[in-house]
Amino acid sequence: MSIRIVTIEPSYAEALEQLQIDCFPTLAPHERMTSEHFLSHCRIFPEGDFVALDGERVVGLGSGFFTDFDLAHPDHTFKEIIAEGFYTNHDPDGDWYYGGDISVHPDYRGRSIGTRLYRARKELVRRYNRRGIVAGGMLPGYPAVEDTLSLPDYVDAVVRGDLYDATLSFQLRNGFEVKGLLEGYIDDPASDNWATLIVWQNPDFKESD
């Protein structure tokens, strides 16, 4: 495959802004990240942002930062935890990697790019000996069935494999577990503003002495 996975550089910022538009057309504009946000990522924690390139074309992104996430009190919104997109909540000593965004250009889906971005995140977590990855996952398939299924029942059906959700089913295949539901997580009618709380536990994590 010609696709390369690299860490973010300032020269990718404008293309990453366009990638947000291409990947998330239903997302409210104030929820998308801009070149200014990506330049902030470059300054704060460039190792946490992985960019997929086809030649020099930006075709995918997996971004995030370290934080001390409390799984016992998980309620949060997307904008607050990512500091309005600037990732200034990054804590170099944080126990968890928070997955702020993963996106693949529509023309490049089905080529395992998302899986490779998740793999890069997992390798980062292992290298820094962090507990794992936590994120809010959108549910683009839910609005089509919301008249007949409650959201918890929908998520349960996807987890069982009885229904397919483009985002959650992919996350489950990549080793994530659903640990809860987040109401009002993001302003996006494609997921009715809901998200799953998903977690990947680092199997190699070692408690410090």
Foldseek 3Di string as FASTA:
>chain_A
DQKDKDFDDLVCLQLQQVQQCQFAVQADPLQGDHSVLSVLCVVPPRLQKIFIDNPNHTFKIWGWAAAAADLVDHEDALCVCCVSSNNPRHDPPHQETETNDIGGRPVPPPVCPSVVSVVSNLVVCLVSQHFWYKYWWAFLPCVVCVVPDPPVRVVVCVLVVNDPTPTPVVVVVSAKDFSAKYAQRGPGVSRPNITTIIIHGNPNHDDDD
